[in-house]
Amino acid sequence: MCVVLLLLCYSAVAEPQKQKVTVQGKLVRAMAIGGESTGWAIQLDPDVTLEGKHSVEAAFRDPTKIEGLKDKRVEAVGKLVHKQGVETGDRLILNVSSIKEQKVH
């Protein structure tokens, strides 16, 4: 029983709370070595970074529904997660819960 309790405590500490974030930028196709990619990325505005990066991979429940937003400026809301890849190492991914096109004025 103590072992189970220790494992539960460890998993609660090891997985930090994921907060919703909103990002803005250009939705583009992405590729990576060994196919370690969600297939999409959001190129952030030049003066904005997430963990020191100017883009973030984007994961969608149904990627076919966002094809019409390719190469357009978008605002996306989701939770940031880290995923370890064999070839790419640690990757920052935004699990998108909503996305919309931003009209350029």
PDB file of N, CA and C in Angstrom:
ATOM      1  N   MET A   1       0.820  -1.180   0.000  1.00  0.00           N
ATOM      2  CA  MET A   1       0.000   0.000   0.000  1.00  0.00           C
ATOM      3  C   MET A   1       0.874   1.259   0.000  1.00  0.00           C
ATOM      4  N   CYS A   2       1.961   1.222   0.720  1.00  0.00           N
ATOM      5  CA  CYS A   2       2.871   2.377   0.740  1.00  0.00           C
ATOM      6  C   CYS A   2       3.450   2.650  -0.640  1.00  0.00           C
ATOM      7  N   VAL A   3       3.746   1.583  -1.370  1.00  0.00           N
ATOM      8  CA  VAL A   3       4.308   1.745  -2.717  1.00  0.00           C
ATOM      9  C   VAL A   3       3.298   2.439  -3.622  1.00  0.00           C
ATOM     10  N   VAL A   4       2.050   2.045  -3.543  1.00  0.00           N
ATOM     11  CA  VAL A   4       1.003   2.669  -4.360  1.00  0.00           C
ATOM     12  C   VAL A   4       0.866   4.143  -4.006  1.00  0.00           C
ATOM     13  N   LEU A   5       0.878   4.446  -2.733  1.00  0.00           N
ATOM     14  CA  LEU A   5       0.780   5.831  -2.286  1.00  0.00           C
ATOM     15  C   LEU A   5       1.960   6.655  -2.780  1.00  0.00           C
ATOM     16  N   LEU A   6       3.161   6.096  -2.716  1.00  0.00           N
ATOM     17  CA  LEU A   6       4.345   6.801  -3.223  1.00  0.00           C
ATOM     18  C   LEU A   6       4.239   7.054  -4.725  1.00  0.00           C
ATOM     19  N   LEU A   7       3.769   6.072  -5.473  1.00  0.00           N
ATOM     20  CA  LEU A   7       3.621   6.238  -6.918  1.00  0.00           C
ATOM     21  C   LEU A   7       2.594   7.312  -7.252  1.00  0.00           C
ATOM     22  N   LEU A   8       1.494   7.348  -6.517  1.00  0.00           N
ATOM     23  CA  LEU A   8       0.489   8.382  -6.750  1.00  0.00           C
ATOM     24  C   LEU A   8       1.034   9.772  -6.443  1.00  0.00           C
ATOM     25  N   CYS A   9       1.765   9.896  -5.371  1.00  0.00           N
ATOM     26  CA  CYS A   9       2.372  11.191  -5.023  1.00  0.00           C
ATOM     27  C   CYS A   9       3.392  11.612  -6.070  1.00  0.00           C
ATOM     28  N   TYR A  10       4.194  10.677  -6.529  1.00  0.00           N
ATOM     29  CA  TYR A  10       5.206  10.991  -7.539  1.00  0.00           C
ATOM     30  C   TYR A  10       4.552  11.452  -8.835  1.00  0.00           C
ATOM     31  N   SER A  11       3.510  10.759  -9.280  1.00  0.00           N
ATOM     32  CA  SER A  11       2.879  11.138 -10.545  1.00  0.00           C
ATOM     33  C   SER A  11       2.207  12.495 -10.429  1.00  0.00           C
ATOM     34  N   ALA A  12       1.689  12.843  -9.267  1.00  0.00           N
ATOM     35  CA  ALA A  12       1.075  14.159  -9.078  1.00  0.00           C
ATOM     36  C   ALA A  12       2.123  15.264  -9.153  1.00  0.00           C
ATOM     37  N   VAL A  13       3.323  15.000  -8.649  1.00  0.00           N
ATOM     38  CA  VAL A  13       4.404  15.990  -8.692  1.00  0.00           C
ATOM     39  C   VAL A  13       5.040  16.031 -10.075  1.00  0.00           C
ATOM     40  N   ALA A  14       5.178  14.895 -10.723  1.00  0.00           N
ATOM     41  CA  ALA A  14       5.875  14.817 -12.001  1.00  0.00           C
ATOM     42  C   ALA A  14       5.091  15.461 -13.136  1.00  0.00           C
ATOM     43  N   GLU A  15       3.778  15.518 -13.020  1.00  0.00           N
ATOM     44  CA  GLU A  15       2.981  16.100 -14.094  1.00  0.00           C
ATOM     45  C   GLU A  15       2.390  17.426 -13.631  1.00  0.00           C
ATOM     46  N   PRO A  16       3.011  18.550 -14.040  1.00  0.00           N
ATOM     47  CA  PRO A  16       2.534  19.836 -13.599  1.00  0.00           C
ATOM     48  C   PRO A  16       1.161  20.155 -14.194  1.00  0.00           C
ATOM     49  N   GLN A  17       0.449  21.055 -13.547  1.00  0.00           N
ATOM     50  CA  GLN A  17      -0.847  21.471 -14.049  1.00  0.00           C
ATOM     51  C   GLN A  17      -0.676  22.127 -15.413  1.00  0.00           C
ATOM     52  N   LYS A  18      -1.524  21.773 -16.339  1.00  0.00           N
ATOM     53  CA  LYS A  18      -1.470  22.348 -17.675  1.00  0.00           C
ATOM     54  C   LYS A  18      -2.453  23.504 -17.742  1.00  0.00           C
ATOM     55  N   GLN A  19      -1.963  24.673 -18.130  1.00  0.00           N
ATOM     56  CA  GLN A  19      -2.800  25.856 -18.219  1.00  0.00           C
ATOM     57  C   GLN A  19      -3.166  26.117 -19.663  1.00  0.00           C
ATOM     58  N   LYS A  20      -4.345  26.673 -19.860  1.00  0.00           N
ATOM     59  CA  LYS A  20      -4.734  27.079 -21.204  1.00  0.00           C
ATOM     60  C   LYS A  20      -3.964  28.339 -21.574  1.00  0.00           C
ATOM     61  N   VAL A  21      -3.486  28.364 -22.795  1.00  0.00           N
ATOM     62  CA  VAL A  21      -2.797  29.542 -23.310  1.00  0.00           C
ATOM     63  C   VAL A  21      -3.419  29.925 -24.642  1.00  0.00           C
ATOM     64  N   THR A  22      -3.274  31.172 -25.004  1.00  0.00           N
ATOM     65  CA  THR A  22      -3.735  31.674 -26.293  1.00  0.00           C
ATOM     66  C   THR A  22      -2.517  32.150 -27.062  1.00  0.00           C
ATOM     67  N   VAL A  23      -2.388  31.683 -28.299  1.00  0.00           N
ATOM     68  CA  VAL A  23      -1.272  32.109 -29.145  1.00  0.00           C
ATOM     69  C   VAL A  23      -1.818  32.657 -30.449  1.00  0.00           C
ATOM     70  N   GLN A  24      -1.049  33.537 -31.056  1.00  0.00           N
ATOM     71  CA  GLN A  24      -1.404  34.120 -32.338  1.00  0.00           C
ATOM     72  C   GLN A  24      -0.220  33.982 -33.274  1.00  0.00           C
ATOM     73  N   GLY A  25      -0.513  33.693 -34.516  1.00  0.00           N
ATOM     74  CA  GLY A  25       0.540  33.572 -35.507  1.00  0.00           C
ATOM     75  C   GLY A  25       0.022  32.934 -36.774  1.00  0.00           C
ATOM     76  N   LYS A  26       0.934  32.493 -37.611  1.00  0.00           N
ATOM     77  CA  LYS A  26       0.596  31.906 -38.907  1.00  0.00           C
ATOM     78  C   LYS A  26       0.599  30.384 -38.799  1.00  0.00           C
ATOM     79  N   LEU A  27      -0.496  29.736 -39.211  1.00  0.00           N
ATOM     80  CA  LEU A  27      -0.606  28.281 -39.193  1.00  0.00           C
ATOM     81  C   LEU A  27       0.076  27.726 -40.438  1.00  0.00           C
ATOM     82  N   VAL A  28       1.077  26.884 -40.233  1.00  0.00           N
ATOM     83  CA  VAL A  28       1.841  26.321 -41.348  1.00  0.00           C
ATOM     84  C   VAL A  28       1.990  24.815 -41.192  1.00  0.00           C
ATOM     85  N   ARG A  29       2.285  24.152 -42.290  1.00  0.00           N
ATOM     86  CA  ARG A  29       2.599  22.724 -42.262  1.00  0.00           C
ATOM     87  C   ARG A  29       3.989  22.548 -41.666  1.00  0.00           C
ATOM     88  N   ALA A  30       4.204  21.444 -40.954  1.00  0.00           N
ATOM     89  CA  ALA A  30       5.503  21.186 -40.320  1.00  0.00           C
ATOM     90  C   ALA A  30       5.905  19.745 -40.568  1.00  0.00           C
ATOM     91  N   MET A  31       7.209  19.542 -40.703  1.00  0.00           N
ATOM     92  CA  MET A  31       7.750  18.196 -40.878  1.00  0.00           C
ATOM     93  C   MET A  31       8.946  18.051 -39.949  1.00  0.00           C
ATOM     94  N   ALA A  32       9.245  16.794 -39.588  1.00  0.00           N
ATOM     95  CA  ALA A  32      10.392  16.550 -38.717  1.00  0.00           C
ATOM     96  C   ALA A  32      11.024  15.219 -39.082  1.00  0.00           C
ATOM     97  N   ILE A  33      12.256  15.041 -38.649  1.00  0.00           N
ATOM     98  CA  ILE A  33      12.995  13.805 -38.862  1.00  0.00           C
ATOM     99  C   ILE A  33      12.211  12.641 -38.272  1.00  0.00           C
ATOM    100  N   GLY A  34      12.118  11.563 -39.017  1.00  0.00           N
ATOM    101  CA  GLY A  34      11.453  10.363 -38.519  1.00  0.00           C
ATOM    102  C   GLY A  34       9.954  10.498 -38.383  1.00  0.00           C
ATOM    103  N   GLY A  35       9.377  11.548 -38.950  1.00  0.00           N
ATOM    104  CA  GLY A  35       7.934  11.737 -38.863  1.00  0.00           C
ATOM    105  C   GLY A  35       7.464  12.150 -37.479  1.00  0.00           C
ATOM    106  N   GLU A  36       8.381  12.634 -36.633  1.00  0.00           N
ATOM    107  CA  GLU A  36       8.027  13.053 -35.283  1.00  0.00           C
ATOM    108  C   GLU A  36       7.479  14.480 -35.309  1.00  0.00           C
ATOM    109  N   SER A  37       6.263  14.598 -35.765  1.00  0.00           N
ATOM    110  CA  SER A  37       5.631  15.902 -35.860  1.00  0.00           C
ATOM    111  C   SER A  37       4.124  15.719 -35.885  1.00  0.00           C
ATOM    112  N   THR A  38       3.419  16.721 -35.428  1.00  0.00           N
ATOM    113  CA  THR A  38       1.970  16.718 -35.532  1.00  0.00           C
ATOM    114  C   THR A  38       1.526  17.066 -36.950  1.00  0.00           C
ATOM    115  N   GLY A  39       2.459  17.613 -37.726  1.00  0.00           N
ATOM    116  CA  GLY A  39       2.134  18.023 -39.096  1.00  0.00           C
ATOM    117  C   GLY A  39       1.781  19.496 -39.214  1.00  0.00           C
ATOM    118  N   TRP A  40       1.578  20.151 -38.069  1.00  0.00           N
ATOM    119  CA  TRP A  40       1.203  21.561 -38.073  1.00  0.00           C
ATOM    120  C   TRP A  40       2.029  22.335 -37.045  1.00  0.00           C
ATOM    121  N   ALA A  41       2.230  23.620 -37.327  1.00  0.00           N
ATOM    122  CA  ALA A  41       2.908  24.503 -36.379  1.00  0.00           C
ATOM    123  C   ALA A  41       2.306  25.893 -36.506  1.00  0.00           C
ATOM    124  N   ILE A  42       2.426  26.650 -35.443  1.00  0.00           N
ATOM    125  CA  ILE A  42       2.015  28.048 -35.465  1.00  0.00           C
ATOM    126  C   ILE A  42       3.275  28.875 -35.298  1.00  0.00           C
ATOM    127  N   GLN A  43       3.595  29.652 -36.341  1.00  0.00           N
ATOM    128  CA  GLN A  43       4.741  30.557 -36.280  1.00  0.00           C
ATOM    129  C   GLN A  43       4.288  31.804 -35.531  1.00  0.00           C
ATOM    130  N   LEU A  44       4.871  32.016 -34.374  1.00  0.00           N
ATOM    131  CA  LEU A  44       4.472  33.128 -33.527  1.00  0.00           C
ATOM    132  C   LEU A  44       4.986  34.449 -34.079  1.00  0.00           C
ATOM    133  N   ASP A  45       4.394  35.524 -33.595  1.00  0.00           N
ATOM    134  CA  ASP A  45       4.862  36.850 -33.989  1.00  0.00           C
ATOM    135  C   ASP A  45       6.332  36.986 -33.614  1.00  0.00           C
ATOM    136  N   PRO A  46       7.114  37.777 -34.373  1.00  0.00           N
ATOM    137  CA  PRO A  46       8.566  37.860 -34.148  1.00  0.00           C
ATOM    138  C   PRO A  46       8.973  38.247 -32.728  1.00  0.00           C
ATOM    139  N   ASP A  47       8.163  39.043 -32.053  1.00  0.00           N
ATOM    140  CA  ASP A  47       8.529  39.488 -30.709  1.00  0.00           C
ATOM    141  C   ASP A  47       7.974  38.577 -29.604  1.00  0.00           C
ATOM    142  N   VAL A  48       7.385  37.442 -29.982  1.00  0.00           N
ATOM    143  CA  VAL A  48       6.785  36.523 -29.017  1.00  0.00           C
ATOM    144  C   VAL A  48       7.527  35.189 -29.046  1.00  0.00           C
ATOM    145  N   THR A  49       7.789  34.631 -27.875  1.00  0.00           N
ATOM    146  CA  THR A  49       8.387  33.299 -27.784  1.00  0.00           C
ATOM    147  C   THR A  49       7.650  32.476 -26.734  1.00  0.00           C
ATOM    148  N   LEU A  50       7.685  31.178 -26.934  1.00  0.00           N
ATOM    149  CA  LEU A  50       7.204  30.217 -25.941  1.00  0.00           C
ATOM    150  C   LEU A  50       8.389  29.343 -25.602  1.00  0.00           C
ATOM    151  N   GLU A  51       8.831  29.438 -24.373  1.00  0.00           N
ATOM    152  CA  GLU A  51       9.999  28.685 -23.917  1.00  0.00           C
ATOM    153  C   GLU A  51      11.191  28.896 -24.855  1.00  0.00           C
ATOM    154  N   GLY A  52      11.349  30.135 -25.311  1.00  0.00           N
ATOM    155  CA  GLY A  52      12.481  30.510 -26.144  1.00  0.00           C
ATOM    156  C   GLY A  52      12.337  30.177 -27.622  1.00  0.00           C
ATOM    157  N   LYS A  53      11.175  29.686 -28.040  1.00  0.00           N
ATOM    158  CA  LYS A  53      10.973  29.303 -29.447  1.00  0.00           C
ATOM    159  C   LYS A  53       9.978  30.241 -30.106  1.00  0.00           C
ATOM    160  N   HIS A  54      10.172  30.458 -31.410  1.00  0.00           N
ATOM    161  CA  HIS A  54       9.301  31.349 -32.175  1.00  0.00           C
ATOM    162  C   HIS A  54       8.186  30.608 -32.887  1.00  0.00           C
ATOM    163  N   SER A  55       8.058  29.316 -32.624  1.00  0.00           N
ATOM    164  CA  SER A  55       6.935  28.550 -33.167  1.00  0.00           C
ATOM    165  C   SER A  55       6.605  27.425 -32.198  1.00  0.00           C
ATOM    166  N   VAL A  56       5.407  26.897 -32.336  1.00  0.00           N
ATOM    167  CA  VAL A  56       4.968  25.802 -31.489  1.00  0.00           C
ATOM    168  C   VAL A  56       4.207  24.808 -32.369  1.00  0.00           C
ATOM    169  N   GLU A  57       4.487  23.522 -32.171  1.00  0.00           N
ATOM    170  CA  GLU A  57       3.717  22.514 -32.884  1.00  0.00           C
ATOM    171  C   GLU A  57       2.280  22.591 -32.408  1.00  0.00           C
ATOM    172  N   ALA A  58       1.353  22.287 -33.301  1.00  0.00           N
ATOM    173  CA  ALA A  58      -0.062  22.335 -32.958  1.00  0.00           C
ATOM    174  C   ALA A  58      -0.692  20.982 -33.247  1.00  0.00           C
ATOM    175  N   ALA A  59      -1.431  20.467 -32.281  1.00  0.00           N
ATOM    176  CA  ALA A  59      -2.127  19.192 -32.435  1.00  0.00           C
ATOM    177  C   ALA A  59      -3.627  19.456 -32.382  1.00  0.00           C
ATOM    178  N   PHE A  60      -4.357  18.819 -33.291  1.00  0.00           N
ATOM    179  CA  PHE A  60      -5.799  19.007 -33.412  1.00  0.00           C
ATOM    180  C   PHE A  60      -6.511  17.667 -33.315  1.00  0.00           C
ATOM    181  N   ARG A  61      -7.732  17.686 -32.786  1.00  0.00           N
ATOM    182  CA  ARG A  61      -8.531  16.453 -32.736  1.00  0.00           C
ATOM    183  C   ARG A  61      -8.787  15.931 -34.139  1.00  0.00           C
ATOM    184  N   ASP A  62      -9.135  16.837 -35.051  1.00  0.00           N
ATOM    185  CA  ASP A  62      -9.393  16.452 -36.441  1.00  0.00           C
ATOM    186  C   ASP A  62      -8.642  17.421 -37.355  1.00  0.00           C
ATOM    187  N   PRO A  63      -7.392  17.081 -37.700  1.00  0.00           N
ATOM    188  CA  PRO A  63      -6.564  17.996 -38.503  1.00  0.00           C
ATOM    189  C   PRO A  63      -7.145  18.307 -39.880  1.00  0.00           C
ATOM    190  N   THR A  64      -8.010  17.462 -40.415  1.00  0.00           N
ATOM    191  CA  THR A  64      -8.568  17.717 -41.749  1.00  0.00           C
ATOM    192  C   THR A  64      -9.490  18.932 -41.749  1.00  0.00           C
ATOM    193  N   LYS A  65     -10.053  19.265 -40.602  1.00  0.00           N
ATOM    194  CA  LYS A  65     -10.984  20.390 -40.529  1.00  0.00           C
ATOM    195  C   LYS A  65     -10.283  21.748 -40.534  1.00  0.00           C
ATOM    196  N   ILE A  66      -8.979  21.788 -40.342  1.00  0.00           N
ATOM    197  CA  ILE A  66      -8.282  23.077 -40.287  1.00  0.00           C
ATOM    198  C   ILE A  66      -7.455  23.348 -41.544  1.00  0.00           C
ATOM    199  N   GLU A  67      -7.554  22.477 -42.513  1.00  0.00           N
ATOM    200  CA  GLU A  67      -6.795  22.649 -43.758  1.00  0.00           C
ATOM    201  C   GLU A  67      -7.059  24.021 -44.388  1.00  0.00           C
ATOM    202  N   GLY A  68      -8.270  24.535 -44.270  1.00  0.00           N
ATOM    203  CA  GLY A  68      -8.628  25.839 -44.835  1.00  0.00           C
ATOM    204  C   GLY A  68      -7.924  27.011 -44.161  1.00  0.00           C
ATOM    205  N   LEU A  69      -7.322  26.773 -43.002  1.00  0.00           N
ATOM    206  CA  LEU A  69      -6.605  27.835 -42.290  1.00  0.00           C
ATOM    207  C   LEU A  69      -5.110  27.838 -42.595  1.00  0.00           C
ATOM    208  N   LYS A  70      -4.664  26.903 -43.414  1.00  0.00           N
ATOM    209  CA  LYS A  70      -3.240  26.795 -43.750  1.00  0.00           C
ATOM    210  C   LYS A  70      -2.728  28.123 -44.313  1.00  0.00           C
ATOM    211  N   ASP A  71      -1.579  28.570 -43.796  1.00  0.00           N
ATOM    212  CA  ASP A  71      -0.895  29.798 -44.215  1.00  0.00           C
ATOM    213  C   ASP A  71      -1.677  31.073 -43.898  1.00  0.00           C
ATOM    214  N   LYS A  72      -2.623  30.973 -42.955  1.00  0.00           N
ATOM    215  CA  LYS A  72      -3.377  32.149 -42.539  1.00  0.00           C
ATOM    216  C   LYS A  72      -3.018  32.497 -41.096  1.00  0.00           C
ATOM    217  N   ARG A  73      -3.260  33.734 -40.749  1.00  0.00           N
ATOM    218  CA  ARG A  73      -3.030  34.186 -39.374  1.00  0.00           C
ATOM    219  C   ARG A  73      -4.190  33.690 -38.517  1.00  0.00           C
ATOM    220  N   VAL A  74      -3.847  33.051 -37.395  1.00  0.00           N
ATOM    221  CA  VAL A  74      -4.863  32.450 -36.533  1.00  0.00           C
ATOM    222  C   VAL A  74      -4.641  32.821 -35.076  1.00  0.00           C
ATOM    223  N   GLU A  75      -5.678  32.610 -34.289  1.00  0.00           N
ATOM    224  CA  GLU A  75      -5.591  32.671 -32.841  1.00  0.00           C
ATOM    225  C   GLU A  75      -6.032  31.297 -32.346  1.00  0.00           C
ATOM    226  N   ALA A  76      -5.170  30.641 -31.583  1.00  0.00           N
ATOM    227  CA  ALA A  76      -5.454  29.299 -31.104  1.00  0.00           C
ATOM    228  C   ALA A  76      -5.388  29.270 -29.581  1.00  0.00           C
ATOM    229  N   VAL A  77      -6.287  28.484 -28.994  1.00  0.00           N
ATOM    230  CA  VAL A  77      -6.325  28.295 -27.549  1.00  0.00           C
ATOM    231  C   VAL A  77      -6.117  26.813 -27.281  1.00  0.00           C
ATOM    232  N   GLY A  78      -5.303  26.511 -26.290  1.00  0.00           N
ATOM    233  CA  GLY A  78      -5.078  25.112 -25.949  1.00  0.00           C
ATOM    234  C   GLY A  78      -4.144  24.980 -24.766  1.00  0.00           C
ATOM    235  N   LYS A  79      -3.755  23.743 -24.513  1.00  0.00           N
ATOM    236  CA  LYS A  79      -2.847  23.444 -23.403  1.00  0.00           C
ATOM    237  C   LYS A  79      -1.501  23.016 -23.947  1.00  0.00           C
ATOM    238  N   LEU A  80      -0.441  23.549 -23.348  1.00  0.00           N
ATOM    239  CA  LEU A  80       0.918  23.211 -23.751  1.00  0.00           C
ATOM    240  C   LEU A  80       1.357  21.923 -23.065  1.00  0.00           C
ATOM    241  N   VAL A  81       1.973  21.036 -23.853  1.00  0.00           N
ATOM    242  CA  VAL A  81       2.528  19.800 -23.310  1.00  0.00           C
ATOM    243  C   VAL A  81       3.908  19.587 -23.918  1.00  0.00           C
ATOM    244  N   HIS A  82       4.720  18.813 -23.244  1.00  0.00           N
ATOM    245  CA  HIS A  82       6.022  18.415 -23.767  1.00  0.00           C
ATOM    246  C   HIS A  82       5.932  16.961 -24.189  1.00  0.00           C
ATOM    247  N   LYS A  83       6.545  16.651 -25.313  1.00  0.00           N
ATOM    248  CA  LYS A  83       6.583  15.274 -25.784  1.00  0.00           C
ATOM    249  C   LYS A  83       8.021  14.957 -26.176  1.00  0.00           C
ATOM    250  N   GLN A  84       8.491  13.815 -25.774  1.00  0.00           N
ATOM    251  CA  GLN A  84       9.862  13.393 -26.072  1.00  0.00           C
ATOM    252  C   GLN A  84       9.876  12.590 -27.365  1.00  0.00           C
ATOM    253  N   GLY A  85      10.701  13.004 -28.322  1.00  0.00           N
ATOM    254  CA  GLY A  85      10.861  12.276 -29.571  1.00  0.00           C
ATOM    255  C   GLY A  85      12.220  11.605 -29.635  1.00  0.00           C
ATOM    256  N   VAL A  86      12.302  10.515 -30.368  1.00  0.00           N
ATOM    257  CA  VAL A  86      13.565   9.785 -30.507  1.00  0.00           C
ATOM    258  C   VAL A  86      14.591  10.641 -31.247  1.00  0.00           C
ATOM    259  N   GLU A  87      14.181  11.228 -32.356  1.00  0.00           N
ATOM    260  CA  GLU A  87      15.097  12.031 -33.175  1.00  0.00           C
ATOM    261  C   GLU A  87      15.081  13.514 -32.797  1.00  0.00           C
ATOM    262  N   THR A  88      13.924  14.007 -32.403  1.00  0.00           N
ATOM    263  CA  THR A  88      13.777  15.449 -32.198  1.00  0.00           C
ATOM    264  C   THR A  88      13.967  15.901 -30.759  1.00  0.00           C
ATOM    265  N   GLY A  89      14.037  14.980 -29.823  1.00  0.00           N
ATOM    266  CA  GLY A  89      14.182  15.358 -28.416  1.00  0.00           C
ATOM    267  C   GLY A  89      12.890  15.916 -27.860  1.00  0.00           C
ATOM    268  N   ASP A  90      13.011  16.833 -26.919  1.00  0.00           N
ATOM    269  CA  ASP A  90      11.848  17.417 -26.266  1.00  0.00           C
ATOM    270  C   ASP A  90      11.157  18.393 -27.206  1.00  0.00           C
ATOM    271  N   ARG A  91       9.847  18.198 -27.394  1.00  0.00           N
ATOM    272  CA  ARG A  91       9.060  19.069 -28.276  1.00  0.00           C
ATOM    273  C   ARG A  91       7.940  19.720 -27.484  1.00  0.00           C
ATOM    274  N   LEU A  92       7.687  20.978 -27.769  1.00  0.00           N
ATOM    275  CA  LEU A  92       6.590  21.720 -27.169  1.00  0.00           C
ATOM    276  C   LEU A  92       5.408  21.654 -28.127  1.00  0.00           C
ATOM    277  N   ILE A  93       4.269  21.177 -27.624  1.00  0.00           N
ATOM    278  CA  ILE A  93       3.090  21.003 -28.467  1.00  0.00           C
ATOM    279  C   ILE A  93       1.904  21.706 -27.814  1.00  0.00           C
ATOM    280  N   LEU A  94       1.148  22.428 -28.632  1.00  0.00           N
ATOM    281  CA  LEU A  94      -0.095  23.040 -28.178  1.00  0.00           C
ATOM    282  C   LEU A  94      -1.238  22.127 -28.604  1.00  0.00           C
ATOM    283  N   ASN A  95      -1.913  21.504 -27.626  1.00  0.00           N
ATOM    284  CA  ASN A  95      -3.108  20.709 -27.909  1.00  0.00           C
ATOM    285  C   ASN A  95      -4.262  21.685 -28.051  1.00  0.00           C
ATOM    286  N   VAL A  96      -4.617  21.975 -29.293  1.00  0.00           N
ATOM    287  CA  VAL A  96      -5.559  23.048 -29.602  1.00  0.00           C
ATOM    288  C   VAL A  96      -6.996  22.621 -29.285  1.00  0.00           C
ATOM    289  N   SER A  97      -7.676  23.464 -28.490  1.00  0.00           N
ATOM    290  CA  SER A  97      -9.088  23.227 -28.201  1.00  0.00           C
ATOM    291  C   SER A  97      -9.985  24.108 -29.061  1.00  0.00           C
ATOM    292  N   SER A  98      -9.459  25.265 -29.503  1.00  0.00           N
ATOM    293  CA  SER A  98     -10.207  26.109 -30.436  1.00  0.00           C
ATOM    294  C   SER A  98      -9.219  26.927 -31.257  1.00  0.00           C
ATOM    295  N   ILE A  99      -9.640  27.206 -32.495  1.00  0.00           N
ATOM    296  CA  ILE A  99      -8.791  27.986 -33.395  1.00  0.00           C
ATOM    297  C   ILE A  99      -9.715  28.782 -34.319  1.00  0.00           C
ATOM    298  N   LYS A 100      -9.289  30.014 -34.606  1.00  0.00           N
ATOM    299  CA  LYS A 100     -10.062  30.840 -35.535  1.00  0.00           C
ATOM    300  C   LYS A 100      -9.116  31.716 -36.329  1.00  0.00           C
ATOM    301  N   GLU A 101      -9.554  32.069 -37.514  1.00  0.00           N
ATOM    302  CA  GLU A 101      -8.759  32.952 -38.361  1.00  0.00           C
ATOM    303  C   GLU A 101      -8.852  34.365 -37.818  1.00  0.00           C
ATOM    304  N   GLN A 102      -7.726  35.076 -37.872  1.00  0.00           N
ATOM    305  CA  GLN A 102      -7.689  36.479 -37.500  1.00  0.00           C
ATOM    306  C   GLN A 102      -7.693  37.283 -38.781  1.00  0.00           C
ATOM    307  N   LYS A 103      -8.606  38.175 -38.874  1.00  0.00           N
ATOM    308  CA  LYS A 103      -8.682  39.041 -40.040  1.00  0.00           C
ATOM    309  C   LYS A 103      -7.598  40.099 -39.950  1.00  0.00           C
ATOM    310  N   VAL A 104      -6.856  40.271 -41.033  1.00  0.00           N
ATOM    311  CA  VAL A 104      -5.803  41.281 -41.085  1.00  0.00           C
ATOM    312  C   VAL A 104      -6.456  42.598 -41.508  1.00  0.00           C
ATOM    313  N   HIS A 105      -6.187  43.642 -40.727  1.00  0.00           N
ATOM    314  CA  HIS A 105      -6.804  44.955 -41.012  1.00  0.00           C
ATOM    315  C   HIS A 105      -5.946  45.751 -41.937  1.00  0.00           C
TER     316      HIS A 105
END
